[in-house]
Amino acid sequence: MASVLSLPEPLQRFLSKFPLHTYSPIQVISRCPLQKPTLWIAPPRTTAVDQAFNSDILSTDVECLKWQAYITLRGLTNIAVRWDISPEGGIDGRLPCLHTPVFGDVSSELLAPRSIPGWVNGQVGGGSDPLNGYSDEILKDESHAWVSLLEGVVHAALTLSEPPRPALSQLFLTAIAGGRVLATTLSPPPAPLTGLSSVLPPYGTNITLSSIQGQYTEAIASLSERLGTDNWFLGSENPTALDALAFAYLHCLLYSMDSTRIEVTRRVNLVDWERRVRTQVEAAFTVA
């Protein structure tokens, strides 16, 4: 049915000089199509990977390593990793990100960390367990306390064991790691960087490794005692997200400075457990 309304003749002649053309979308053809799921991570300690053993395929960043362990412990293998992308290239300017290939009618996607568990559930099934792999509700609640311990004082000790900043820059910068201010992870909160005897008002935080060494030592001792001779933390039958997080911190601590590393090496069960899980994680990944 023709439209009752029509444009005035002068306006039609004017618009005819600017015709609107439409074209079908152009399909982007990648020269190197993605063959397998690829995890974008921060670089490992060395980039010269031994292809026979994957000895240097684990990220030095604890957050990236946590997701490498999570994917592995959920039972997935043959996952690629790449570390040639800076954090600014990831979603929200952070790594890791998971790049999934085209599969059937499902298009390729780039997933932020918060979306990785959902993707893993789709690959291996599951995700409907209200206990998240723990034996009962009490152990599930206990896992939250261990996560807080690892992401609190243990995280602070790991961050402070990194090479120190120049003294002048340390004066004006608050210690930050993984987007979190360290002062918010410690209890009790640390003293300010400037005090009553300073001409400057209270500013920043005065956090040193020695000031939290006692808390850190106690945390590692508690972690060792809780693991005991079990295969997985909290006596779970299968690995959980807590195991992935614990492995990431233990592995990074074992490659930190001596004063931090020695607390882990004193606990034989933690060293053996880290070595066993590391073997699994290294075997699950290849270089993209």
Protein backbone atom coordinates (compact mmCIF):
# COMPACT_ATOMS: atom_id res chain seq x y z
CA MET A 1 0.00 0.00 0.00
CA ALA A 2 1.46 3.32 -1.09
CA SER A 3 2.01 5.91 1.58
CA VAL A 4 -0.58 8.67 1.72
CA LEU A 5 2.06 11.18 2.75
CA SER A 6 4.69 12.25 0.25
CA LEU A 7 7.53 14.72 0.29
CA PRO A 8 7.20 17.98 -1.59
CA GLU A 9 8.67 17.86 -5.07
CA PRO A 10 11.50 20.37 -4.37
CA LEU A 11 12.59 18.37 -1.30
CA GLN A 12 12.53 15.12 -3.27
CA ARG A 13 14.80 16.62 -5.94
CA PHE A 14 17.19 17.85 -3.26
CA LEU A 15 17.36 14.50 -1.43
CA SER A 16 17.86 12.62 -4.69
CA LYS A 17 21.33 14.13 -4.84
CA PHE A 18 22.23 12.21 -1.64
CA PRO A 19 21.07 8.64 -2.24
CA LEU A 20 21.32 6.16 0.63
CA HIS A 21 22.96 2.88 -0.35
CA THR A 22 23.02 -0.19 1.89
CA TYR A 23 25.46 -3.09 1.64
CA SER A 24 25.57 -6.53 3.18
CA PRO A 25 28.02 -6.91 6.11
CA ILE A 26 31.58 -7.88 5.29
CA GLN A 27 32.75 -11.03 7.02
CA VAL A 28 36.14 -10.61 8.68
CA ILE A 29 38.39 -13.51 7.74
CA SER A 30 41.24 -14.09 10.15
CA ARG A 31 44.54 -15.16 8.66
CA CYS A 32 45.15 -17.30 11.74
CA PRO A 33 41.76 -18.48 13.02
CA LEU A 34 41.68 -19.44 16.67
CA GLN A 35 42.02 -23.20 17.00
CA LYS A 36 41.65 -23.64 20.75
CA PRO A 37 40.64 -21.60 23.82
CA THR A 38 43.43 -19.16 24.60
CA LEU A 39 44.09 -17.54 27.97
CA TRP A 40 45.77 -14.13 27.92
CA ILE A 41 48.13 -13.92 30.88
CA ALA A 42 50.94 -11.83 32.31
CA PRO A 43 54.34 -13.15 31.14
CA PRO A 44 56.02 -16.12 32.84
CA ARG A 45 59.47 -15.83 34.38
CA THR A 46 61.15 -16.58 31.09
CA THR A 47 59.64 -16.60 27.63
CA ALA A 48 61.90 -19.39 26.37
CA VAL A 49 59.45 -22.23 26.91
CA ASP A 50 60.66 -25.82 26.89
CA GLN A 51 58.05 -27.37 24.62
CA ALA A 52 58.76 -30.84 26.03
CA PHE A 53 57.98 -29.93 29.64
CA ASN A 54 56.18 -26.54 29.55
CA SER A 55 58.49 -25.59 32.39
CA ASP A 56 57.97 -21.84 32.02
CA ILE A 57 54.36 -21.54 31.01
CA LEU A 58 52.97 -20.37 34.34
CA SER A 59 52.28 -16.67 34.80
CA THR A 60 54.18 -14.70 37.42
CA ASP A 61 50.98 -12.80 38.25
CA VAL A 62 49.04 -14.49 41.04
CA GLU A 63 45.65 -13.52 39.57
CA CYS A 64 46.48 -14.98 36.15
CA LEU A 65 47.98 -18.10 37.71
CA LYS A 66 44.85 -18.61 39.81
CA TRP A 67 42.75 -18.89 36.66
CA GLN A 68 45.28 -21.19 35.01
CA ALA A 69 44.95 -23.48 38.02
CA TYR A 70 41.16 -23.14 38.14
CA ILE A 71 40.74 -24.20 34.51
CA THR A 72 43.10 -27.14 35.00
CA LEU A 73 41.60 -28.38 38.26
CA ARG A 74 38.14 -28.34 36.70
CA GLY A 75 39.41 -30.97 34.27
CA LEU A 76 40.14 -29.01 31.08
CA THR A 77 43.31 -29.54 29.06
CA ASN A 78 44.78 -28.42 25.74
CA ILE A 79 44.33 -24.73 26.55
CA ALA A 80 46.65 -22.23 24.89
CA VAL A 81 48.25 -19.23 26.60
CA ARG A 82 49.73 -16.03 25.22
CA TRP A 83 51.52 -13.23 27.03
CA ASP A 84 52.19 -10.74 24.22
CA ILE A 85 49.16 -8.61 25.11
CA SER A 86 49.50 -5.86 27.71
CA PRO A 87 46.90 -5.52 30.49
CA GLU A 88 45.45 -2.49 28.70
CA GLY A 89 44.39 -4.83 25.90
CA GLY A 90 42.25 -6.93 28.24
CA ILE A 91 38.70 -6.33 29.37
CA ASP A 92 38.57 -3.50 31.92
CA GLY A 93 42.30 -3.03 31.33
CA ARG A 94 43.22 -6.18 33.25
CA LEU A 95 44.44 -9.71 32.65
CA PRO A 96 43.66 -12.55 32.38
CA CYS A 97 41.10 -12.82 29.59
CA LEU A 98 39.90 -15.98 27.88
CA HIS A 99 39.52 -15.95 24.09
CA THR A 100 37.21 -18.74 22.95
CA PRO A 101 37.12 -20.04 19.34
CA VAL A 102 34.11 -20.42 17.07
CA PHE A 103 32.25 -23.64 17.86
CA GLY A 104 29.19 -24.53 15.80
CA ASP A 105 26.71 -21.68 16.07
CA VAL A 106 28.63 -20.09 18.96
CA SER A 107 30.78 -17.17 17.85
CA SER A 108 34.22 -16.34 19.20
CA GLU A 109 34.20 -14.40 22.47
CA LEU A 110 36.63 -12.60 24.75
CA LEU A 111 35.72 -13.32 28.37
CA ALA A 112 36.62 -11.42 31.52
CA PRO A 113 37.64 -13.47 34.60
CA ARG A 114 34.15 -13.23 36.07
CA SER A 115 32.80 -15.09 33.01
CA ILE A 116 35.37 -17.91 33.02
CA PRO A 117 33.56 -20.15 35.56
CA GLY A 118 30.40 -20.06 33.44
CA TRP A 119 32.35 -21.03 30.33
CA VAL A 120 34.11 -23.86 32.19
CA ASN A 121 30.76 -25.15 33.47
CA GLY A 122 29.55 -25.26 29.88
CA GLN A 123 32.57 -27.33 28.86
CA VAL A 124 32.63 -29.88 31.68
CA GLY A 125 29.07 -29.69 32.99
CA GLY A 126 28.19 -28.91 36.56
CA GLY A 127 27.84 -25.53 38.17
CA SER A 128 24.64 -26.54 39.95
CA ASP A 129 26.32 -27.74 43.16
CA PRO A 130 25.18 -25.38 45.95
CA LEU A 131 28.20 -26.42 48.04
CA ASN A 132 30.71 -25.56 45.28
CA GLY A 133 32.49 -28.88 45.72
CA TYR A 134 32.79 -28.81 49.53
CA SER A 135 31.50 -31.62 51.69
CA ASP A 136 29.01 -29.56 53.68
CA GLU A 137 27.83 -26.04 54.40
CA ILE A 138 30.24 -25.61 57.32
CA LEU A 139 33.28 -26.30 55.13
CA LYS A 140 31.91 -23.99 52.45
CA ASP A 141 31.72 -21.20 55.03
CA GLU A 142 35.21 -22.05 56.27
CA SER A 143 36.55 -21.69 52.73
CA HIS A 144 35.58 -18.01 52.78
CA ALA A 145 37.85 -17.47 55.79
CA TRP A 146 40.80 -19.10 54.00
CA VAL A 147 40.19 -16.99 50.91
CA SER A 148 40.24 -13.86 53.09
CA LEU A 149 43.50 -15.00 54.70
CA LEU A 150 45.18 -15.65 51.34
CA GLU A 151 43.95 -12.43 49.76
CA GLY A 152 44.78 -10.46 52.90
CA VAL A 153 48.02 -10.91 54.81
CA VAL A 154 49.50 -13.49 52.40
CA HIS A 155 48.80 -11.23 49.43
CA ALA A 156 50.34 -8.28 51.26
CA ALA A 157 53.48 -10.28 52.10
CA LEU A 158 53.84 -11.42 48.50
CA THR A 159 53.46 -7.87 47.20
CA LEU A 160 55.92 -6.41 49.71
CA SER A 161 58.49 -9.09 48.87
CA GLU A 162 58.79 -7.70 45.35
CA PRO A 163 61.77 -5.43 44.53
CA PRO A 164 61.33 -2.14 46.45
CA ARG A 165 60.47 1.15 44.79
CA PRO A 166 62.90 4.07 44.89
CA ALA A 167 62.74 5.80 48.27
CA LEU A 168 61.38 9.09 46.90
CA SER A 169 58.55 7.50 44.94
CA GLN A 170 57.67 5.29 47.91
CA LEU A 171 57.09 8.43 49.96
CA PHE A 172 54.27 9.62 47.72
CA LEU A 173 52.76 6.33 46.59
CA THR A 174 50.47 4.02 48.53
CA ALA A 175 51.24 0.33 48.04
CA ILE A 176 48.72 -1.01 45.54
CA ALA A 177 48.48 -4.51 44.11
CA GLY A 178 45.93 -5.94 41.74
CA GLY A 179 43.83 -2.79 41.93
CA ARG A 180 43.50 -3.07 45.72
CA VAL A 181 45.09 -0.84 48.34
CA LEU A 182 47.06 -3.09 50.66
CA ALA A 183 45.95 -1.15 53.72
CA THR A 184 42.38 -2.38 53.19
CA THR A 185 43.47 -6.04 53.31
CA LEU A 186 45.22 -5.87 56.68
CA SER A 187 43.79 -6.08 60.17
CA PRO A 188 44.53 -4.03 62.19
CA PRO A 189 45.11 -1.28 59.60
CA PRO A 190 48.70 -0.04 59.29
CA ALA A 191 49.97 3.28 60.63
CA PRO A 192 50.02 6.32 58.33
CA LEU A 193 53.18 7.15 56.40
CA THR A 194 53.43 10.55 58.12
CA GLY A 195 52.73 10.96 61.83
CA LEU A 196 52.35 13.52 64.60
CA SER A 197 56.01 14.53 64.47
CA SER A 198 55.80 15.34 60.77
CA VAL A 199 55.05 18.76 59.31
CA LEU A 200 52.78 16.97 56.84
CA PRO A 201 49.27 15.83 57.77
CA PRO A 202 48.70 12.06 58.11
CA TYR A 203 49.09 10.63 54.64
CA GLY A 204 49.56 7.24 53.01
CA THR A 205 50.36 4.03 54.84
CA ASN A 206 53.54 2.71 56.39
CA ILE A 207 53.54 -0.97 55.41
CA THR A 208 56.72 -3.04 55.60
CA LEU A 209 57.26 -6.76 55.31
CA SER A 210 58.71 -6.90 58.82
CA SER A 211 55.55 -5.33 60.26
CA ILE A 212 53.38 -8.20 59.01
CA GLN A 213 55.97 -11.00 59.20
CA GLY A 214 54.38 -12.48 62.32
CA GLN A 215 50.90 -12.58 60.76
CA TYR A 216 52.31 -14.04 57.56
CA THR A 217 54.22 -16.79 59.41
CA GLU A 218 51.10 -17.72 61.35
CA ALA A 219 49.03 -17.78 58.15
CA ILE A 220 51.40 -20.19 56.37
CA ALA A 221 51.60 -22.43 59.45
CA SER A 222 47.79 -22.55 59.65
CA LEU A 223 47.54 -23.34 55.95
CA SER A 224 49.99 -26.22 56.33
CA GLU A 225 48.18 -27.60 59.37
CA ARG A 226 44.79 -27.42 57.64
CA LEU A 227 46.04 -29.26 54.56
CA GLY A 228 47.73 -32.00 56.57
CA THR A 229 48.02 -35.10 54.39
CA ASP A 230 44.82 -34.48 52.41
CA ASN A 231 44.85 -34.35 48.64
CA TRP A 232 42.84 -31.12 48.60
CA PHE A 233 42.17 -28.36 51.08
CA LEU A 234 39.33 -28.82 53.57
CA GLY A 235 39.33 -32.54 52.81
CA SER A 236 37.36 -32.11 49.59
CA GLU A 237 37.06 -35.14 47.35
CA ASN A 238 37.80 -33.04 44.27
CA PRO A 239 39.69 -29.76 43.85
CA THR A 240 37.80 -26.54 44.49
CA ALA A 241 38.33 -22.85 43.78
CA LEU A 242 40.19 -22.61 47.11
CA ASP A 243 42.78 -25.10 45.83
CA ALA A 244 43.34 -22.99 42.71
CA LEU A 245 43.82 -19.86 44.82
CA ALA A 246 46.11 -21.59 47.31
CA PHE A 247 48.28 -23.01 44.53
CA ALA A 248 48.67 -19.60 42.90
CA TYR A 249 49.91 -18.01 46.12
CA LEU A 250 52.15 -20.92 47.14
CA HIS A 251 53.77 -21.07 43.72
CA CYS A 252 54.46 -17.32 43.64
CA LEU A 253 55.74 -17.38 47.23
CA LEU A 254 58.21 -20.15 46.39
CA TYR A 255 59.76 -17.81 43.82
CA SER A 256 59.78 -14.73 46.05
CA MET A 257 62.57 -13.33 48.21
CA ASP A 258 64.12 -15.58 50.87
CA SER A 259 62.41 -14.11 53.93
CA THR A 260 59.01 -14.87 52.39
CA ARG A 261 59.85 -18.10 50.59
CA ILE A 262 61.45 -19.80 53.59
CA GLU A 263 58.16 -19.92 55.50
CA VAL A 264 56.70 -22.12 52.75
CA THR A 265 59.78 -24.30 52.25
CA ARG A 266 59.71 -25.20 55.96
CA ARG A 267 56.36 -26.94 55.42
CA VAL A 268 57.07 -30.12 53.48
CA ASN A 269 53.41 -30.88 52.82
CA LEU A 270 52.87 -27.48 51.17
CA VAL A 271 55.94 -27.90 48.96
CA ASP A 272 54.92 -31.40 47.87
CA TRP A 273 51.33 -30.31 47.26
CA GLU A 274 52.44 -27.31 45.18
CA ARG A 275 54.73 -29.52 43.11
CA ARG A 276 51.96 -32.03 42.42
CA VAL A 277 49.44 -29.39 41.36
CA ARG A 278 52.08 -27.52 39.32
CA THR A 279 52.69 -30.65 37.25
CA GLN A 280 48.98 -30.82 36.42
CA VAL A 281 48.72 -27.15 35.50
CA GLU A 282 51.83 -27.17 33.30
CA ALA A 283 50.54 -30.21 31.41
CA ALA A 284 47.19 -28.55 30.65
CA PHE A 285 48.58 -25.55 28.73
CA THR A 286 50.46 -24.97 25.50
CA VAL A 287 51.91 -21.84 23.93
CA ALA A 288 49.58 -20.18 21.43
